[in-house]
Structures are given as structure tokens and as C-alpha cells.
């Protein structure tokens, strides 16, 4: 089945389902933050349910126009040594290889790729390889965007071939929401899977980081896509932000973990939704989110409870570890400054906090550095 894509509410089937006033409100949002989806994903919406999670993931919401957040909350542009390449941590380089997605998530943290007159460019693979060859500590290359699996198979093949030529032989990761947004892109032709199978060897795996946010996205079509991807030899794992009205419920989050783990796609990260422009109504307070995640994991076993709760802050990946009545504990899982790596952050609780800067009372002398005992 060929999947038609829609870049406006007006040209999509929604224009016939919603009343004209609703369409007008959604169009006012898409003029600021673009809309993109396809027949398949829109068919998953239950329009009789005003709280439908799929609707919340993909449909514009007037609350996006609230003046909160920034277009680059994690300071990615400050870690961009050449166009389309982010190099925040010595071991890992992130390549923006595409500025197209199968759908634009309403909680997208790279809205700057889709908004404004001069969006950031994707990487030039020749210049990128020249840059990466000069990085002695490189161990991982992450293909991102946009969605790498929206590229033509030949272009994806070229990028993977060039990365495989690097003398450091880095691990390759690919972030994608195509298995959730448009699984037929994977199953209707073999082009994408053929490219992945070519490069996912027993000695050098490719890791596909899928992006399922809610159990309703795990359909029979998505299961078929997952099966096809696994047959290429790629390893799959899943990440999701925790989102108000989508998965900020222990039962829902646990079901997502369990269903994906059964398919061989165990959880990897649960992210704090970044304070990007237009995202505030979808963010969950950190301490509430931590409770949801821990409750969900308590219902799971083994593989289904591996996810780490992470805040992708401009200073690094901060893992939210736990709390007592008097303290909340975090740790630098990864850090832009090596002196911060594995450092503990201890704060007084703040039930309204949604980002690191919302915590005002850091108890720096309590646990300044994690001590490892081996």
C-alpha cells in the first residue's frame, strides 16, 4: 500500500472529519509550527475520543502558540563544528542527514529544522567524513535528522558506506520513527532493509533506535516492519519522551515497555520532554514523571525495565535517579565537560520543576562525585 503524505490540515482527510472551526484553529497553529502526517498514521486516531493519544502526538494544538520555551533548548547549535554535525561528546558524533520526517511530532525538539526561512542544513557527507577522520576518540556515529529512513535507499547506502570507511570503525546508530509513523515504507519494498542488511554485519552491528510513544502505535503493520528490520541483522531498541496526555500513566508506559520487549525492541531511554517552543502543554513535571516511570518499571521484569530517565540538557545527558522527601538525585550520564561526567546533582525537591534550571537549591557538597566500587 502506498502511503500519501499531507503537509497541511486542509489537504488531509482531517478537513472532512473535523468541523470548519476546528480546521481553522489547527491551521492557525500550522502556520507557526508545520504539520505533516500520512494516511496510515491518521487512520489510527479515534476521533470519538477527545483524549486520543495519537491525536495529541500528531495534530496541531492551539496551546502550542503559548510563548514558552526556545527553538534550541539543549544548545545543539553550540556543539555544531561544521554544518549538520553535532559533536557534544568526544565519543559520539550526531549527523543531521535528513530534514524530512514521516510525521512532525508536536513535541519535536528540533522545530528549527522545519520553521523559519533559514533552517539548519543537513550534513555534507564528504566534509563530514573529513571532519570525523580527525576525531581520535570517536566510537559512535548517530544518524538523525529529520528521519534517516525517509532518505532514498541509495543515499542512505552512500552515507553508511562512507561511515564504514572511518578508521575508528564507529558503532552506527540510526534514530527513526518510521516504524511507528509509516511502517509500510519498510514492508512494501525491500530497498531500506536491503541497505541495512548490507551494512549490519555480525562483526559490526547497526542499532536502530525506534520511537514508539504509545501502545496504540504498536499495530500489526508496525510489528511487520519491526520483524523486517530485525531480519536485516540490525539491533532494535526504543526511546520515547514522557508526554502529558500520551504516556504519563504507569499502566500505559508499562504496556509500551512490555509490548515492545516482546517484539525484541527493549526500552532504551525515556526522555524528559524538552522545553522547546510550543511544547509546554506536553511536558510532565520531573518528579511526577519519575514516579510514573518507576511505577511502570515495577510492573515489568528484566528487559522491559532497562530504560533510563534522561534529561538532554545543554550541559549533558542527566539521568534522574530517585528522590527522598528531602532530596532529588540526578547524575551526569554523559557530559559536555568531562569534569562533570558521573557527577551527582542533589537538589531540594520542586514538584513544579520541568527542567534543570527549575531547581534552585543545589546541594553541591553532599555528593560531589560518584565513587565507583569494583
Protein backbone atom coordinates (compact mmCIF):
# COMPACT_ATOMS: atom_id res chain seq x y z
CA UNK A 1 0.00 0.00 0.00
CA UNK A 2 1.35 3.39 -0.95
CA UNK A 3 1.06 5.97 1.78
CA UNK A 4 0.03 9.50 0.87
CA UNK A 5 1.62 12.31 2.83
CA UNK A 6 -0.03 15.57 3.81
CA UNK A 7 1.75 18.83 4.62
CA UNK A 8 -1.35 20.74 5.68
CA UNK A 9 -4.55 20.03 7.58
CA UNK A 10 -6.56 21.34 4.62
CA UNK A 11 -5.23 18.74 2.17
CA UNK A 12 -5.57 15.84 4.62
CA UNK A 13 -8.63 13.68 5.39
CA UNK A 14 -8.97 15.71 8.62
CA UNK A 15 -10.59 18.51 6.63
CA UNK A 16 -13.57 16.24 6.02
CA UNK A 17 -13.71 14.77 9.52
CA UNK A 18 -13.36 17.90 11.65
CA UNK A 19 -15.75 20.82 11.61
CA UNK A 20 -14.60 24.02 9.83
CA UNK A 21 -13.95 25.86 13.09
CA UNK A 22 -11.63 23.09 14.31
CA UNK A 23 -9.80 23.05 10.98
CA UNK A 24 -9.34 26.82 11.15
CA UNK A 25 -7.82 26.59 14.64
CA UNK A 26 -5.41 23.86 13.59
CA UNK A 27 -4.38 25.79 10.51
CA UNK A 28 -3.54 28.82 12.64
CA UNK A 29 -1.06 26.64 14.54
CA UNK A 30 0.47 25.01 11.46
CA UNK A 31 1.34 28.44 10.09
CA UNK A 32 3.79 28.69 13.00
CA UNK A 33 4.73 25.03 13.58
CA UNK A 34 4.21 22.95 10.42
CA UNK A 35 2.02 19.87 10.21
CA UNK A 36 2.97 16.68 8.40
CA UNK A 37 1.45 13.21 8.52
CA UNK A 38 0.15 10.43 6.30
CA UNK A 39 -2.91 8.29 5.64
CA UNK A 40 -1.73 5.38 7.74
CA UNK A 41 -0.95 7.28 10.92
CA UNK A 42 -4.04 9.49 10.75
CA UNK A 43 -6.15 6.33 10.46
CA UNK A 44 -5.02 5.36 13.99
CA UNK A 45 -6.85 8.33 15.54
CA UNK A 46 -10.07 7.62 17.41
CA UNK A 47 -11.96 10.83 16.70
CA UNK A 48 -14.66 9.86 19.19
CA UNK A 49 -12.10 10.07 21.98
CA UNK A 50 -11.29 13.71 22.83
CA UNK A 51 -8.20 12.49 24.72
CA UNK A 52 -6.92 10.20 21.97
CA UNK A 53 -3.12 9.91 22.38
CA UNK A 54 -2.39 9.61 18.66
CA UNK A 55 -4.25 12.86 18.09
CA UNK A 56 -2.10 14.52 20.74
CA UNK A 57 1.11 13.26 19.14
CA UNK A 58 0.37 14.42 15.59
CA UNK A 59 -2.34 17.11 15.47
CA UNK A 60 -1.57 20.81 16.00
CA UNK A 61 -2.86 22.22 19.26
CA UNK A 62 -3.62 25.91 19.92
CA UNK A 63 -1.69 25.54 23.19
CA UNK A 64 1.49 25.39 21.07
CA UNK A 65 1.14 29.13 20.47
CA UNK A 66 1.79 29.89 24.15
CA UNK A 67 5.00 31.92 24.36
CA UNK A 68 7.19 29.45 26.23
CA UNK A 69 10.46 27.67 25.52
CA UNK A 70 13.13 28.18 22.88
CA UNK A 71 13.86 26.58 19.50
CA UNK A 72 17.15 25.07 20.74
CA UNK A 73 16.72 24.23 24.44
CA UNK A 74 19.66 21.82 24.53
CA UNK A 75 22.06 24.24 22.87
CA UNK A 76 22.73 21.95 19.92
CA UNK A 77 23.93 24.78 17.71
CA UNK A 78 26.72 25.46 20.18
CA UNK A 79 28.09 21.96 19.57
CA UNK A 80 27.99 22.13 15.76
CA UNK A 81 31.60 22.33 14.48
CA UNK A 82 30.54 22.03 10.82
CA UNK A 83 27.06 22.30 9.27
CA UNK A 84 24.88 19.29 10.01
CA UNK A 85 27.27 17.68 12.53
CA UNK A 86 26.87 17.86 16.29
CA UNK A 87 29.83 16.79 18.40
CA UNK A 88 28.96 17.37 22.03
CA UNK A 89 30.74 14.33 23.46
CA UNK A 90 34.18 13.14 22.25
CA UNK A 91 32.95 9.60 21.60
CA UNK A 92 29.76 10.40 19.69
CA UNK A 93 29.04 12.47 16.61
CA UNK A 94 25.45 13.13 15.55
CA UNK A 95 24.81 13.68 11.84
CA UNK A 96 21.72 15.51 10.63
CA UNK A 97 21.24 13.54 7.42
CA UNK A 98 17.63 14.45 6.66
CA UNK A 99 15.26 17.33 7.31
CA UNK A 100 12.16 15.25 6.48
CA UNK A 101 10.08 13.09 8.81
CA UNK A 102 7.18 10.72 8.16
CA UNK A 103 5.26 12.92 10.58
CA UNK A 104 6.10 16.01 12.58
CA UNK A 105 5.70 15.27 16.28
CA UNK A 106 4.02 18.11 18.12
CA UNK A 107 6.68 17.71 20.84
CA UNK A 108 9.58 17.88 18.36
CA UNK A 109 12.72 19.38 19.92
CA UNK A 110 14.20 20.27 16.50
CA UNK A 111 11.40 22.52 15.32
CA UNK A 112 14.11 24.81 13.98
CA UNK A 113 14.56 22.27 11.14
CA UNK A 114 11.02 22.94 9.96
CA UNK A 115 10.43 26.57 10.87
CA UNK A 116 11.77 29.90 9.71
CA UNK A 117 13.29 30.99 6.43
CA UNK A 118 16.79 29.59 7.03
CA UNK A 119 16.57 26.18 8.73
CA UNK A 120 19.89 24.49 9.62
CA UNK A 121 21.38 22.45 6.75
CA UNK A 122 21.85 18.72 6.73
CA UNK A 123 25.41 17.44 6.62
CA UNK A 124 27.57 17.24 3.54
CA UNK A 125 28.79 13.66 3.78
CA UNK A 126 32.20 14.34 2.18
CA UNK A 127 33.01 17.23 4.51
CA UNK A 128 31.57 15.25 7.41
CA UNK A 129 33.82 12.26 6.80
CA UNK A 130 36.85 14.56 6.56
CA UNK A 131 35.93 16.01 9.95
CA UNK A 132 35.24 12.63 11.58
CA UNK A 133 38.53 11.15 10.37
CA UNK A 134 40.34 13.72 12.51
CA UNK A 135 38.50 12.76 15.73
CA UNK A 136 40.69 10.30 17.67
CA UNK A 137 38.14 9.47 20.40
CA UNK A 138 35.21 8.73 18.09
CA UNK A 139 33.43 5.44 18.87
CA UNK A 140 29.82 6.14 17.81
CA UNK A 141 28.09 7.85 14.91
CA UNK A 142 24.38 8.61 15.24
CA UNK A 143 22.34 9.30 12.11
CA UNK A 144 19.48 11.61 12.90
CA UNK A 145 17.50 14.49 11.46
CA UNK A 146 14.61 14.53 10.43
CA UNK A 147 14.42 10.80 9.89
CA UNK A 148 17.22 8.88 8.15
CA UNK A 149 14.78 6.20 6.97
CA UNK A 150 12.97 8.85 4.92
CA UNK A 151 16.06 9.11 2.69
CA UNK A 152 16.20 7.36 -0.67
CA UNK A 153 17.79 3.96 -0.14
CA UNK A 154 20.71 4.89 -2.40
CA UNK A 155 21.52 7.98 -0.34
CA UNK A 156 21.29 6.05 2.93
CA UNK A 157 23.60 3.44 1.41
CA UNK A 158 26.13 6.12 0.49
CA UNK A 159 26.12 7.61 3.98
CA UNK A 160 26.51 4.23 5.68
CA UNK A 161 29.27 3.21 3.26
CA UNK A 162 31.25 6.36 3.98
CA UNK A 163 30.86 5.98 7.76
CA UNK A 164 32.01 2.35 7.50
CA UNK A 165 35.23 3.64 5.87
CA UNK A 166 36.25 5.55 9.00
CA UNK A 167 39.42 4.09 10.55
CA UNK A 168 37.90 4.20 14.04
CA UNK A 169 35.14 1.76 12.91
CA UNK A 170 32.46 3.50 14.99
CA UNK A 171 29.22 1.90 16.10
CA UNK A 172 26.38 3.21 13.93
CA UNK A 173 23.05 4.19 15.44
CA UNK A 174 20.03 5.36 13.45
CA UNK A 175 17.18 7.23 15.13
CA UNK A 176 13.83 6.69 13.42
CA UNK A 177 10.08 6.94 13.94
CA UNK A 178 9.24 5.41 10.54
CA UNK A 179 8.25 2.01 12.06
CA UNK A 180 5.55 3.87 14.03
CA UNK A 181 4.62 6.61 11.55
CA UNK A 182 4.79 4.72 8.25
CA UNK A 183 5.65 1.02 8.63
CA UNK A 184 4.61 0.39 5.02
CA UNK A 185 7.67 2.33 3.89
CA UNK A 186 9.67 -0.58 5.31
CA UNK A 187 7.44 -3.51 4.35
CA UNK A 188 6.14 -2.56 0.89
CA UNK A 189 9.58 -2.56 -0.72
CA UNK A 190 12.84 -4.13 0.35
CA UNK A 191 15.08 -1.15 -0.51
CA UNK A 192 15.61 0.15 3.02
CA UNK A 193 16.02 -3.31 4.51
CA UNK A 194 18.47 -4.33 1.76
CA UNK A 195 20.68 -1.35 2.62
CA UNK A 196 20.57 -2.11 6.33
CA UNK A 197 21.33 -5.79 5.71
CA UNK A 198 24.34 -4.79 3.61
CA UNK A 199 25.86 -2.79 6.46
CA UNK A 200 24.65 -4.69 9.55
CA UNK A 201 27.27 -7.42 9.68
CA UNK A 202 27.84 -9.91 12.52
CA UNK A 203 31.06 -8.06 13.39
CA UNK A 204 29.64 -4.52 13.03
CA UNK A 205 26.02 -4.16 14.03
CA UNK A 206 23.74 -1.26 13.26
CA UNK A 207 21.48 -0.10 16.07
CA UNK A 208 18.05 1.24 15.15
CA UNK A 209 16.57 3.45 17.84
CA UNK A 210 12.84 3.41 17.24
CA UNK A 211 10.44 6.00 18.58
CA UNK A 212 7.18 4.45 19.78
CA UNK A 213 5.41 6.72 22.26
CA UNK A 214 2.17 4.86 22.97
CA UNK A 215 0.94 1.23 22.74
CA UNK A 216 -1.63 2.23 20.09
CA UNK A 217 1.28 2.79 17.70
CA UNK A 218 2.31 -0.86 18.02
CA UNK A 219 -0.04 -2.15 15.32
CA UNK A 220 0.11 -5.27 13.17
CA UNK A 221 1.69 -3.13 10.44
CA UNK A 222 4.35 -1.86 12.85
CA UNK A 223 5.02 -5.39 14.06
CA UNK A 224 5.62 -6.47 10.46
CA UNK A 225 8.03 -3.57 9.97
CA UNK A 226 9.88 -4.47 13.17
CA UNK A 227 10.16 -8.09 12.01
CA UNK A 228 11.54 -6.99 8.63
CA UNK A 229 14.09 -4.70 10.26
CA UNK A 230 15.25 -7.39 12.65
CA UNK A 231 15.83 -9.78 9.76
CA UNK A 232 18.43 -7.34 8.40
CA UNK A 233 20.64 -8.08 11.38
CA UNK A 234 20.09 -4.65 12.92
CA UNK A 235 19.55 -4.43 16.67
CA UNK A 236 16.44 -2.52 17.74
CA UNK A 237 15.72 -0.58 20.90
CA UNK A 238 13.19 2.15 21.70
CA UNK A 239 13.18 5.63 23.19
CA UNK A 240 10.35 7.99 23.98
CA UNK A 241 9.78 11.22 25.84
CA UNK A 242 7.26 11.12 28.65
CA UNK A 243 4.33 13.21 27.45
CA UNK A 244 1.31 14.71 29.17
CA UNK A 245 -1.85 13.04 27.88
CA UNK A 246 0.06 10.38 25.95
CA UNK A 247 2.09 8.10 28.21
CA UNK A 248 2.26 9.84 31.62
CA UNK A 249 0.44 6.89 33.16
CA UNK A 250 2.22 3.87 34.73
CA UNK A 251 -0.11 1.34 33.11
CA UNK A 252 0.32 2.87 29.65
CA UNK A 253 4.09 3.18 29.97
CA UNK A 254 4.40 -0.39 31.31
CA UNK A 255 2.30 -1.73 28.44
CA UNK A 256 4.52 0.11 25.94
CA UNK A 257 7.65 -1.37 27.55
CA UNK A 258 6.19 -4.89 27.64
CA UNK A 259 4.73 -4.93 24.12
CA UNK A 260 7.93 -3.69 22.54
CA UNK A 261 10.14 -6.01 24.57
CA UNK A 262 8.11 -8.99 23.38
CA UNK A 263 8.95 -7.90 19.83
CA UNK A 264 12.65 -7.63 20.63
CA UNK A 265 12.65 -3.84 20.97
CA UNK A 266 13.50 -3.21 24.64
CA UNK A 267 13.35 0.32 26.08
CA UNK A 268 16.50 2.43 25.94
CA UNK A 269 15.73 5.95 27.17
CA UNK A 270 12.70 7.78 28.49
CA UNK A 271 13.39 11.46 27.95
CA UNK A 272 12.12 14.48 29.78
CA UNK A 273 10.24 16.43 27.12
CA UNK A 274 12.50 19.37 26.23
CA UNK A 275 11.28 22.92 26.80
CA UNK A 276 11.16 23.65 23.09
CA UNK A 277 8.89 26.42 21.83
CA UNK A 278 5.30 25.19 21.84
CA UNK A 279 5.98 22.10 23.97
CA UNK A 280 4.96 23.25 27.46
CA UNK A 281 1.49 21.66 27.48
CA UNK A 282 3.06 18.28 26.69
CA UNK A 283 5.73 18.36 29.40
CA UNK A 284 5.33 16.47 32.67
CA UNK A 285 6.89 17.76 35.92
CA UNK A 286 10.11 15.84 36.53
CA UNK A 287 9.20 14.34 39.89
CA UNK A 288 5.79 13.26 38.66
CA UNK A 289 7.38 11.74 35.55
CA UNK A 290 9.95 9.88 37.65
CA UNK A 291 7.14 8.38 39.72
CA UNK A 292 5.30 7.24 36.57
CA UNK A 293 8.43 5.64 35.11
CA UNK A 294 9.37 3.87 38.34
CA UNK A 295 5.80 2.60 38.81
CA UNK A 296 5.80 1.33 35.22
CA UNK A 297 9.12 -0.44 35.70
CA UNK A 298 7.84 -2.06 38.88
CA UNK A 299 5.26 -3.82 36.70
CA UNK A 300 7.91 -5.14 34.33
CA UNK A 301 10.79 -7.56 34.50
CA UNK A 302 14.27 -7.71 33.06
CA UNK A 303 14.50 -6.30 29.54
CA UNK A 304 11.32 -4.26 29.86
CA UNK A 305 12.69 -2.19 32.74
CA UNK A 306 16.08 -1.16 31.36
CA UNK A 307 15.11 2.38 30.34
CA UNK A 308 16.95 5.27 31.95
CA UNK A 309 15.09 8.50 32.62
CA UNK A 310 17.17 11.20 30.94
CA UNK A 311 17.13 14.97 30.57
CA UNK A 312 19.06 16.08 27.46
CA UNK A 313 20.34 19.30 28.95
CA UNK A 314 22.79 21.62 27.19
CA UNK A 315 25.44 20.51 29.71
CA UNK A 316 24.92 16.80 29.07
CA UNK A 317 22.62 13.82 29.48
CA UNK A 318 21.41 13.97 33.06
CA UNK A 319 19.87 10.82 34.50
CA UNK A 320 17.10 11.43 37.02
CA UNK A 321 17.83 8.69 39.53
CA UNK A 322 15.48 8.99 42.51
CA UNK A 323 14.25 11.09 45.39
CA UNK A 324 13.50 11.13 49.08
CA UNK A 325 11.21 13.51 50.92
CA UNK A 326 14.13 15.95 51.25
CA UNK A 327 16.27 15.41 48.15
CA UNK A 328 16.12 14.56 44.45
CA UNK A 329 19.16 12.84 42.95
CA UNK A 330 20.48 13.14 39.42
CA UNK A 331 23.69 12.04 37.71
CA UNK A 332 25.57 13.10 34.59
CA UNK A 333 25.09 10.02 32.40
CA UNK A 334 27.07 11.89 29.73
CA UNK A 335 28.60 15.34 29.93
CA UNK A 336 29.84 18.06 27.60
CA UNK A 337 32.55 18.80 30.16
CA UNK A 338 34.50 15.71 31.19
CA UNK A 339 34.80 17.09 34.72
CA UNK A 340 31.02 16.68 35.09
CA UNK A 341 30.89 13.05 33.95
CA UNK A 342 29.37 10.82 36.68
CA UNK A 343 28.93 13.81 38.98
CA UNK A 344 25.88 13.71 41.19
CA UNK A 345 23.39 16.56 41.35
CA UNK A 346 21.39 16.84 44.55
CA UNK A 347 18.55 19.31 44.94
CA UNK A 348 15.68 20.09 47.21
CA UNK A 349 12.51 18.73 45.58
CA UNK A 350 10.39 21.02 43.44
CA UNK A 351 7.16 19.35 42.27
CA UNK A 352 6.69 22.02 39.59
CA UNK A 353 10.15 21.60 38.04
CA UNK A 354 10.19 20.64 34.37
CA UNK A 355 13.87 21.33 33.55
CA UNK A 356 17.17 21.58 35.40
CA UNK A 357 17.02 25.36 35.76
CA UNK A 358 13.79 25.00 37.76
CA UNK A 359 15.84 23.58 40.66
CA UNK A 360 17.30 26.46 42.64
CA UNK A 361 18.91 24.82 45.66
CA UNK A 362 21.73 22.53 44.58
CA UNK A 363 23.37 20.76 47.49
CA UNK A 364 26.77 20.54 45.82
CA UNK A 365 28.73 19.48 48.87
CA UNK A 366 26.56 16.49 49.64
CA UNK A 367 27.72 14.12 46.89
CA UNK A 368 30.16 15.98 44.60
CA UNK A 369 31.31 12.94 42.63
CA UNK A 370 30.10 9.38 42.19
CA UNK A 371 32.52 6.85 43.68
CA UNK A 372 32.65 3.56 41.81
CA UNK A 373 33.49 0.37 43.69
CA UNK A 374 34.70 -2.57 41.60
